[in-house]
Structures are given as C-alpha cells and as structure tokens.
C-alpha cells in the first residue's frame, strides 16, 4: 500500500509542471501569431500610427534587448539562440523543482514562453520580429514584441516574489 501512495504522489508532483508549460505555450502561441500577422500585413520598416503614443511597425532585431550586438556579422544569432536554449532548460529544471510556488513559477513560465518565442524567430528567420512601437514626443522606445513583454512581466514578478519572500 505504501508503494502505491508513493507512486501516486510522484505522478501528481511531476504533473504539476503542466499548468506552467501551458502558460509558456500560450505566450509562444500569442507571440508567433502576432508576429506572423504583422509580417504578412506590413513591409519591413512600414509603420501605422494607432494613437499619439503608439505605432505598429515591422522591425527586425538581429541582436538582443535594445538591439545589443545587432550590427555584428551574424555570430550573435547563434550565441543568443544558445543562451535562450540554455535558459529554457534551466527554467524547466526550476519549474519541476518548485512547481508549487505559484508566483515564482508564473514568472518562470512567462520568461520561458518569451525566450522560446524569440528563439523560434532566430532559428527560422535569423532575427527577431518586433512590432510594438511606443513613443513620447520625438522619443521612441525600441520596438518590441509579445515575447519581450512576457519576459519583462516575468522579471517584474520575480522581483515581487523575492520582496514577498524577504518580508516573510
């Protein structure tokens, strides 16, 4: 009887990663659908003003955040792909290990989905498709996408989770 209970407990524990993978999959799906839609609707560099502070634009980023290393010769594509893959594997390990920590795992799932969304772009196109362009006056933030947004929200949730943990 004790063996049966232990097996059931193990199965429940390993299955608890599923909701977090579902969040990551949803981020990837929304990210890829939005990028495909923009890529089919816009020409490279084309912009459409939606409000006084927001445009849609088709931009390509061969670098990392804020176009870091974008002007390099192409090696950065593989470096950032390897980093994303390594991060994804580490996040999967953390999700499995801490599956019961809701806020922490939500943050991990958002980062995982964002990293894999941008990894898909790097592998298929050689660059990341960005299209969200916010601006104030003549100043523009670098264009970004849903994957980038998920990563930023995940990072903010990490900070909140850590602050909550420290205050306990």
Protein backbone atom coordinates (compact mmCIF):
# COMPACT_ATOMS: atom_id res chain seq x y z
CA UNK A 1 0.00 0.00 0.00
CA UNK A 2 2.83 2.41 0.83
CA UNK A 3 4.34 1.84 -2.63
CA UNK A 4 1.06 2.79 -4.32
CA UNK A 5 0.77 6.04 -2.34
CA UNK A 6 4.36 6.98 -3.16
CA UNK A 7 3.79 6.33 -6.89
CA UNK A 8 0.61 8.44 -6.93
CA UNK A 9 2.41 11.25 -5.09
CA UNK A 10 5.26 11.13 -7.61
CA UNK A 11 2.85 11.26 -10.54
CA UNK A 12 0.99 14.23 -9.07
CA UNK A 13 4.24 16.05 -8.44
CA UNK A 14 5.56 15.52 -11.97
CA UNK A 15 2.18 16.51 -13.47
CA UNK A 16 2.22 19.83 -11.59
CA UNK A 17 4.53 21.33 -14.19
CA UNK A 18 1.75 21.15 -16.79
CA UNK A 19 -0.02 24.45 -15.89
CA UNK A 20 3.27 26.33 -16.13
CA UNK A 21 4.04 24.78 -19.50
CA UNK A 22 0.53 25.79 -20.57
CA UNK A 23 1.27 29.44 -19.72
CA UNK A 24 4.55 29.27 -21.65
CA UNK A 25 2.77 27.66 -24.63
CA UNK A 26 0.12 30.39 -24.59
CA UNK A 27 2.82 33.08 -24.65
CA UNK A 28 4.53 31.34 -27.58
CA UNK A 29 1.24 30.99 -29.46
CA UNK A 30 0.22 34.64 -28.99
CA UNK A 31 3.74 35.81 -29.81
CA UNK A 32 4.06 33.77 -33.00
CA UNK A 33 0.53 34.56 -34.24
CA UNK A 34 1.08 38.28 -33.72
CA UNK A 35 4.46 38.19 -35.50
CA UNK A 36 3.06 36.22 -38.43
CA UNK A 37 0.16 38.67 -38.73
CA UNK A 38 2.44 41.72 -38.70
CA UNK A 39 4.93 40.13 -41.12
CA UNK A 40 2.14 39.35 -43.60
CA UNK A 41 0.46 42.75 -43.19
CA UNK A 42 3.44 45.13 -43.20
CA UNK A 43 6.52 45.65 -45.34
CA UNK A 44 9.83 45.88 -43.49
CA UNK A 45 10.06 49.32 -41.86
CA UNK A 46 6.42 50.18 -42.57
CA UNK A 47 4.66 51.90 -39.69
CA UNK A 48 1.00 52.55 -38.89
CA UNK A 49 0.07 55.16 -36.30
CA UNK A 50 -2.65 53.95 -33.94
CA UNK A 51 -2.53 56.62 -31.22
CA UNK A 52 -0.46 59.70 -30.43
CA UNK A 53 1.94 57.45 -28.48
CA UNK A 54 1.74 54.03 -30.18
CA UNK A 55 2.53 52.66 -33.65
CA UNK A 56 2.71 49.24 -35.20
CA UNK A 57 5.92 48.79 -37.17
CA UNK A 58 7.67 45.83 -38.75
CA UNK A 59 11.23 45.81 -37.44
CA UNK A 60 13.89 43.11 -37.34
CA UNK A 61 16.30 42.74 -34.46
CA UNK A 62 19.40 40.60 -35.06
CA UNK A 63 20.70 41.43 -31.60
CA UNK A 64 19.40 41.08 -28.08
CA UNK A 65 17.44 43.55 -25.96
CA UNK A 66 17.60 47.09 -27.32
CA UNK A 67 19.42 45.74 -30.41
CA UNK A 68 22.54 44.86 -28.39
CA UNK A 69 25.12 43.42 -30.86
CA UNK A 70 22.66 43.76 -33.77
CA UNK A 71 25.32 45.16 -36.10
CA UNK A 72 27.66 42.16 -35.72
CA UNK A 73 28.31 39.71 -38.55
CA UNK A 74 25.76 37.02 -37.67
CA UNK A 75 27.51 35.03 -34.96
CA UNK A 76 25.26 36.69 -32.36
CA UNK A 77 22.27 34.78 -33.77
CA UNK A 78 23.76 31.51 -32.57
CA UNK A 79 25.05 32.95 -29.29
CA UNK A 80 21.61 34.29 -28.35
CA UNK A 81 19.97 31.08 -29.55
CA UNK A 82 22.28 29.03 -27.32
CA UNK A 83 21.63 31.33 -24.36
CA UNK A 84 17.84 31.05 -24.89
CA UNK A 85 18.04 27.27 -25.14
CA UNK A 86 20.20 27.04 -22.01
CA UNK A 87 17.86 29.36 -20.13
CA UNK A 88 14.85 27.30 -21.23
CA UNK A 89 16.43 24.09 -19.94
CA UNK A 90 17.31 25.73 -16.63
CA UNK A 91 13.79 27.14 -16.31
CA UNK A 92 12.33 23.67 -16.90
CA UNK A 93 14.53 22.36 -14.10
CA UNK A 94 13.34 25.15 -11.78
CA UNK A 95 9.70 24.62 -12.72
CA UNK A 96 9.96 20.93 -11.88
CA UNK A 97 11.73 21.65 -8.61
CA UNK A 98 9.44 24.49 -7.44
CA UNK A 99 6.14 23.62 -9.13
CA UNK A 100 4.13 24.51 -6.03
CA UNK A 101 5.31 28.13 -5.86
CA UNK A 102 2.69 29.94 -7.89
CA UNK A 103 4.13 33.41 -8.34
CA UNK A 104 7.67 32.16 -8.90
CA UNK A 105 6.50 29.60 -11.47
CA UNK A 106 4.25 32.11 -13.22
CA UNK A 107 7.31 34.33 -13.64
CA UNK A 108 9.36 31.39 -14.89
CA UNK A 109 6.63 30.37 -17.34
CA UNK A 110 6.40 33.88 -18.79
CA UNK A 111 10.16 34.09 -19.24
CA UNK A 112 10.22 30.59 -20.75
CA UNK A 113 7.49 31.43 -23.25
CA UNK A 114 9.17 34.70 -24.19
CA UNK A 115 12.61 33.14 -24.58
CA UNK A 116 11.26 30.33 -26.76
CA UNK A 117 9.12 32.74 -28.81
CA UNK A 118 12.19 34.79 -29.70
CA UNK A 119 14.30 31.63 -30.16
CA UNK A 120 11.83 30.41 -32.80
CA UNK A 121 12.34 33.69 -34.70
CA UNK A 122 16.13 33.48 -34.52
CA UNK A 123 16.19 29.91 -35.79
CA UNK A 124 13.62 30.41 -38.59
CA UNK A 125 14.33 33.97 -39.76
CA UNK A 126 17.78 34.83 -38.40
CA UNK A 127 16.31 37.77 -36.48
CA UNK A 128 13.51 38.58 -34.04
CA UNK A 129 10.39 40.27 -35.38
CA UNK A 130 9.45 43.35 -33.36
CA UNK A 131 6.37 45.47 -33.97
CA UNK A 132 5.18 47.35 -30.86
CA UNK A 133 6.45 50.93 -31.04
CA UNK A 134 5.70 53.27 -28.14
CA UNK A 135 6.83 56.88 -28.24
CA UNK A 136 6.51 60.20 -26.43
CA UNK A 137 7.12 63.34 -28.43
CA UNK A 138 10.07 62.56 -30.68
CA UNK A 139 11.47 59.82 -28.43
CA UNK A 140 10.80 56.15 -29.28
CA UNK A 141 11.38 53.11 -27.13
CA UNK A 142 12.99 50.32 -29.12
CA UNK A 143 10.31 48.25 -30.87
CA UNK A 144 9.46 45.03 -29.08
CA UNK A 145 7.03 42.12 -29.22
CA UNK A 146 4.81 39.93 -27.04
CA UNK A 147 7.71 37.62 -26.14
CA UNK A 148 9.71 40.60 -24.87
CA UNK A 149 6.67 41.79 -22.90
CA UNK A 150 6.27 38.36 -21.28
CA UNK A 151 9.95 38.35 -20.29
CA UNK A 152 9.63 41.82 -18.72
CA UNK A 153 6.45 40.90 -16.85
CA UNK A 154 8.12 37.69 -15.68
CA UNK A 155 11.12 39.68 -14.42
CA UNK A 156 8.80 42.05 -12.53
CA UNK A 157 7.04 39.06 -10.97
CA UNK A 158 10.44 37.68 -9.87
CA UNK A 159 11.11 40.93 -8.04
CA UNK A 160 7.67 40.91 -6.40
CA UNK A 161 8.10 37.27 -5.40
CA UNK A 162 11.51 37.96 -3.88
CA UNK A 163 10.25 41.02 -2.00
CA UNK A 164 7.39 38.95 -0.60
CA UNK A 165 9.82 36.20 0.40
CA UNK A 166 12.16 38.67 2.15
CA UNK A 167 9.27 40.28 4.04
CA UNK A 168 8.15 36.92 5.48
